[in-house]
C-alpha atoms as a PDB file:
ATOM      1  CA  MET A   1       0.232   0.191  -0.189  1.00  0.00           C
ATOM      2  CA  LEU A   2       0.925   2.975  -0.671  1.00  0.00           C
ATOM      3  CA  SER A   3       2.103   6.078   1.824  1.00  0.00           C
ATOM      4  CA  SER A   4       0.478   8.976   3.172  1.00  0.00           C
ATOM      5  CA  LYS A   5       3.974  10.156   2.455  1.00  0.00           C
ATOM      6  CA  ALA A   6       4.493   8.972  -1.597  1.00  0.00           C
ATOM      7  CA  LYS A   7       0.743   9.974  -1.784  1.00  0.00           C
ATOM      8  CA  TYR A   8       1.534  13.360  -0.528  1.00  0.00           C
ATOM      9  CA  GLY A   9       4.932  13.394  -2.468  1.00  0.00           C
ATOM     10  CA  LEU A  10       3.654  12.582  -5.272  1.00  0.00           C
ATOM     11  CA  LYS A  11       0.658  14.837  -5.276  1.00  0.00           C
ATOM     12  CA  ALA A  12       3.452  17.789  -5.082  1.00  0.00           C
ATOM     13  CA  MET A  13       5.066  16.612  -7.404  1.00  0.00           C
ATOM     14  CA  VAL A  14       1.646  16.950  -9.948  1.00  0.00           C
ATOM     15  CA  TYR A  15       1.833  19.919  -8.447  1.00  0.00           C
ATOM     16  CA  LEU A  16       4.836  21.902  -9.286  1.00  0.00           C
ATOM     17  CA  ALA A  17       4.354  19.753 -12.819  1.00  0.00           C
ATOM     18  CA  ARG A  18       1.392  21.432 -12.962  1.00  0.00           C
ATOM     19  CA  HIS A  19       2.514  25.317 -12.493  1.00  0.00           C
ATOM     20  CA  GLY A  20       6.320  24.639 -13.042  1.00  0.00           C
ATOM     21  CA  ALA A  21       6.019  27.486 -15.649  1.00  0.00           C
ATOM     22  CA  ASP A  22       5.541  29.384 -13.039  1.00  0.00           C
ATOM     23  CA  GLY A  23       8.489  29.855 -11.796  1.00  0.00           C
ATOM     24  CA  SER A  24       9.608  28.424  -8.247  1.00  0.00           C
ATOM     25  CA  VAL A  25       6.765  27.314  -5.926  1.00  0.00           C
ATOM     26  CA  LEU A  26       6.194  28.195  -1.977  1.00  0.00           C
ATOM     27  CA  ILE A  27       5.785  24.551  -0.178  1.00  0.00           C
ATOM     28  CA  ALA A  28       2.824  26.558   1.768  1.00  0.00           C
ATOM     29  CA  ASP A  29       1.261  26.893  -1.875  1.00  0.00           C
ATOM     30  CA  ILE A  30       1.631  23.151  -2.361  1.00  0.00           C
ATOM     31  CA  ALA A  31       0.995  22.268   1.237  1.00  0.00           C
ATOM     32  CA  GLU A  32      -2.928  24.427   1.126  1.00  0.00           C
ATOM     33  CA  ALA A  33      -3.555  23.567  -2.701  1.00  0.00           C
ATOM     34  CA  GLU A  34      -3.194  19.710  -1.607  1.00  0.00           C
ATOM     35  CA  SER A  35      -4.534  19.670   1.968  1.00  0.00           C
ATOM     36  CA  ILE A  36      -0.950  17.847   3.066  1.00  0.00           C
ATOM     37  CA  PRO A  37       0.540  19.185   6.362  1.00  0.00           C
ATOM     38  CA  LYS A  38       3.014  21.725   5.653  1.00  0.00           C
ATOM     39  CA  LYS A  39       5.908  19.982   8.701  1.00  0.00           C
ATOM     40  CA  PHE A  40       5.332  16.911   6.541  1.00  0.00           C
ATOM     41  CA  LEU A  41       5.604  18.383   2.837  1.00  0.00           C
ATOM     42  CA  ASP A  42       8.870  19.969   4.224  1.00  0.00           C
ATOM     43  CA  ALA A  43      10.521  16.650   5.862  1.00  0.00           C
ATOM     44  CA  ILE A  44       9.226  15.153   1.794  1.00  0.00           C
ATOM     45  CA  LEU A  45      10.259  17.510  -0.615  1.00  0.00           C
ATOM     46  CA  LEU A  46      13.769  18.165   1.314  1.00  0.00           C
ATOM     47  CA  GLU A  47      13.903  13.951   0.463  1.00  0.00           C
ATOM     48  CA  LEU A  48      12.865  14.665  -3.285  1.00  0.00           C
ATOM     49  CA  LYS A  49      15.940  17.591  -3.092  1.00  0.00           C
ATOM     50  CA  ASN A  50      17.945  15.776  -2.127  1.00  0.00           C
ATOM     51  CA  ARG A  51      17.636  12.630  -4.564  1.00  0.00           C
ATOM     52  CA  GLY A  52      18.240  14.830  -7.499  1.00  0.00           C
ATOM     53  CA  LEU A  53      14.498  15.283  -8.084  1.00  0.00           C
ATOM     54  CA  LEU A  54      13.938  18.800  -7.200  1.00  0.00           C
ATOM     55  CA  SER A  55      15.803  21.947  -6.845  1.00  0.00           C
ATOM     56  CA  SER A  56      15.538  24.962  -4.059  1.00  0.00           C
ATOM     57  CA  LYS A  57      15.910  29.157  -4.338  1.00  0.00           C
ATOM     58  CA  LYS A  58      15.561  30.457  -1.414  1.00  0.00           C
ATOM     59  CA  GLY A  59      14.524  34.326  -0.763  1.00  0.00           C
ATOM     60  CA  LYS A  60      12.415  36.466  -2.815  1.00  0.00           C
ATOM     61  CA  GLY A  61      10.987  34.188  -5.672  1.00  0.00           C
ATOM     62  CA  GLY A  62      12.169  31.190  -3.819  1.00  0.00           C
ATOM     63  CA  GLY A  63      10.841  27.880  -3.827  1.00  0.00           C
ATOM     64  CA  TYR A  64      10.798  24.552  -5.065  1.00  0.00           C
ATOM     65  CA  THR A  65      11.117  23.405  -9.263  1.00  0.00           C
ATOM     66  CA  LEU A  66      10.906  20.212 -10.508  1.00  0.00           C
ATOM     67  CA  ALA A  67      15.299  19.653 -10.987  1.00  0.00           C
ATOM     68  CA  LYS A  68      14.167  17.863 -14.297  1.00  0.00           C
ATOM     69  CA  PRO A  69      11.870  18.296 -17.052  1.00  0.00           C
ATOM     70  CA  ALA A  70       8.447  16.028 -16.028  1.00  0.00           C
ATOM     71  CA  ASN A  71       7.959  14.092 -19.101  1.00  0.00           C
ATOM     72  CA  SER A  72      11.829  12.603 -17.737  1.00  0.00           C
ATOM     73  CA  ILE A  73      10.659  11.754 -13.908  1.00  0.00           C
ATOM     74  CA  MET A  74       9.184   8.347 -13.999  1.00  0.00           C
ATOM     75  CA  VAL A  75       6.847   7.984 -11.542  1.00  0.00           C
ATOM     76  CA  GLY A  76       8.147   4.749  -9.693  1.00  0.00           C
ATOM     77  CA  ASP A  77      11.145   6.307  -9.015  1.00  0.00           C
ATOM     78  CA  ILE A  78       9.442   9.105  -7.153  1.00  0.00           C
ATOM     79  CA  VAL A  79       7.180   6.259  -4.855  1.00  0.00           C
ATOM     80  CA  ARG A  80      11.180   4.069  -4.270  1.00  0.00           C
ATOM     81  CA  VAL A  81      12.462   7.271  -3.080  1.00  0.00           C
ATOM     82  CA  LEU A  82      10.136   8.268  -0.411  1.00  0.00           C
ATOM     83  CA  ASP A  83       8.265   4.097   0.074  1.00  0.00           C
ATOM     84  CA  GLY A  84      11.201   2.085  -1.108  1.00  0.00           C
ATOM     85  CA  PRO A  85      11.154  -1.085  -3.049  1.00  0.00           C
ATOM     86  CA  LEU A  86       8.019  -1.258  -5.185  1.00  0.00           C
ATOM     87  CA  ALA A  87       7.921  -5.330  -4.062  1.00  0.00           C
ATOM     88  CA  PRO A  88       5.659  -6.041  -1.551  1.00  0.00           C
ATOM     89  CA  VAL A  89       7.559  -8.856  -0.161  1.00  0.00           C
ATOM     90  CA  GLN A  90      11.307  -8.008   0.056  1.00  0.00           C
ATOM     91  CA  CYS A  91      12.099 -11.458  -1.394  1.00  0.00           C
ATOM     92  CA  VAL A  92      11.060 -10.374  -4.708  1.00  0.00           C
ATOM     93  CA  SER A  93      12.060  -6.776  -4.593  1.00  0.00           C
ATOM     94  CA  ARG A  94      14.866  -6.545  -7.317  1.00  0.00           C
ATOM     95  CA  THR A  95      16.607  -3.585  -5.797  1.00  0.00           C
ATOM     96  CA  ALA A  96      17.139  -4.972  -2.065  1.00  0.00           C
ATOM     97  CA  TYR A  97      15.940  -8.167  -2.353  1.00  0.00           C
ATOM     98  CA  ARG A  98      16.455 -10.356   1.156  1.00  0.00           C
ATOM     99  CA  ARG A  99      15.609 -14.438   1.785  1.00  0.00           C
ATOM    100  CA  CYS A 100      12.604 -14.697   3.436  1.00  0.00           C
ATOM    101  CA  ASP A 101      12.886 -16.330   6.886  1.00  0.00           C
ATOM    102  CA  ASP A 102      11.029 -18.819   6.677  1.00  0.00           C
ATOM    103  CA  CYS A 103      10.671 -19.439   3.097  1.00  0.00           C
ATOM    104  CA  ARG A 104      12.156 -23.692   2.878  1.00  0.00           C
ATOM    105  CA  ASP A 105      12.176 -23.404  -0.857  1.00  0.00           C
ATOM    106  CA  GLU A 106      12.009 -19.916  -3.376  1.00  0.00           C
ATOM    107  CA  THR A 107      11.836 -22.144  -5.860  1.00  0.00           C
ATOM    108  CA  ALA A 108       8.462 -23.540  -4.724  1.00  0.00           C
ATOM    109  CA  CYS A 109       7.178 -20.694  -2.931  1.00  0.00           C
ATOM    110  CA  ALA A 110       3.307 -20.080  -4.447  1.00  0.00           C
ATOM    111  CA  VAL A 111       3.580 -16.931  -2.390  1.00  0.00           C
ATOM    112  CA  ARG A 112       6.834 -15.849  -3.804  1.00  0.00           C
ATOM    113  CA  ALA A 113       5.382 -16.622  -7.210  1.00  0.00           C
ATOM    114  CA  VAL A 114       2.817 -14.225  -7.134  1.00  0.00           C
ATOM    115  CA  MET A 115       4.454 -11.312  -4.917  1.00  0.00           C
ATOM    116  CA  GLY A 116       7.046 -11.480  -7.977  1.00  0.00           C
ATOM    117  CA  GLU A 117       3.635 -11.000 -10.100  1.00  0.00           C
ATOM    118  CA  VAL A 118       2.138  -8.602  -8.688  1.00  0.00           C
ATOM    119  CA  ARG A 119       5.362  -6.375  -8.500  1.00  0.00           C
ATOM    120  CA  ASP A 120       5.953  -6.756 -12.130  1.00  0.00           C
ATOM    121  CA  ALA A 121       2.587  -5.353 -12.626  1.00  0.00           C
ATOM    122  CA  ILE A 122       3.449  -2.764  -9.822  1.00  0.00           C
ATOM    123  CA  ALA A 123       6.949  -1.650 -11.873  1.00  0.00           C
ATOM    124  CA  ALA A 124       4.936  -2.113 -15.154  1.00  0.00           C
ATOM    125  CA  ILE A 125       2.459   1.127 -14.742  1.00  0.00           C
ATOM    126  CA  LEU A 126       4.923   2.853 -12.556  1.00  0.00           C
ATOM    127  CA  ASP A 127       7.731   3.062 -14.754  1.00  0.00           C
ATOM    128  CA  ASN A 128       6.466   3.639 -17.565  1.00  0.00           C
ATOM    129  CA  THR A 129       4.240   6.832 -16.214  1.00  0.00           C
ATOM    130  CA  THR A 130       5.862  10.188 -16.306  1.00  0.00           C
ATOM    131  CA  LEU A 131       5.237  12.839 -14.080  1.00  0.00           C
ATOM    132  CA  ALA A 132       3.823  14.436 -16.877  1.00  0.00           C
ATOM    133  CA  ASP A 133       1.868  11.757 -17.935  1.00  0.00           C
ATOM    134  CA  MET A 134      -0.387  11.428 -14.427  1.00  0.00           C
ATOM    135  CA  ALA A 135      -0.451  15.746 -14.224  1.00  0.00           C
ATOM    136  CA  GLN A 136      -2.183  15.105 -17.174  1.00  0.00           C
ATOM    137  CA  MET A 137      -5.313  12.691 -15.711  1.00  0.00           C
ATOM    138  CA  LYS A 138      -7.902  12.999 -14.470  1.00  0.00           C
ATOM    139  CA  ALA A 139      -9.150  11.391 -11.468  1.00  0.00           C
ATOM    140  CA  PRO A 140     -11.324   7.778 -12.613  1.00  0.00           C
ATOM    141  CA  GLU A 141     -14.970   8.339 -11.891  1.00  0.00           C
ATOM    142  CA  PRO A 142     -15.519   6.581  -8.447  1.00  0.00           C
ATOM    143  CA  VAL A 143     -17.040   2.469  -8.460  1.00  0.00           C
ATOM    144  CA  LEU A 144     -20.133   2.287  -6.095  1.00  0.00           C
ATOM    145  CA  MET A 145     -20.743  -0.519  -4.747  1.00  0.00           C
ATOM    146  CA  TYR A 146     -24.340  -1.996  -4.265  1.00  0.00           C
ATOM    147  CA  ASP A 147     -25.215  -5.358  -2.284  1.00  0.00           C
ATOM    148  CA  ILE A 148     -28.009  -6.593  -4.498  1.00  0.00           C
END
C-alpha cells in the first residue's frame, strides 16, 4: 500500500509539474492547494531534493521547482525515493532483495511467485508513467458498490 508520505509526495510533484511554468513554488502554496500538512511536506520535498528530483531557491522568488523536465521523471522513481522498493515482500525485490527467514525453498514458494507478479504489474505501470503523464490525468469516476 502506498504510504501517506508517497501519496503526498506524488501530489506535490504533480502540482509542481502543473505549475512549473510559473517558476518556483512555495511549500505553503503546495500544502494549502493539496491539503498536505506543511511540516510533513517540508521533509518530503527535502528528501526529493536530496535525491535530485527537485531544486530549491531561497529568498525572494524562492521555492521549489522540478530538477528536470516532468516528462523525464518516472512515477516509479518518486515512489521508490519515498517508500523504498515496490515489491510487496522482500524476496521479490529487485533493489532490496532479502531471503525470507521462514522460507525453505524459494523456487517452490507460491507466495513468492504471486508477489513477483504483483511487483511486476506495479512496476510496469509506475516505471512507464512519467510525471508529465500523471499531471495530465484526471481522477476516474468513483465505482459504487451495491449489495443486491
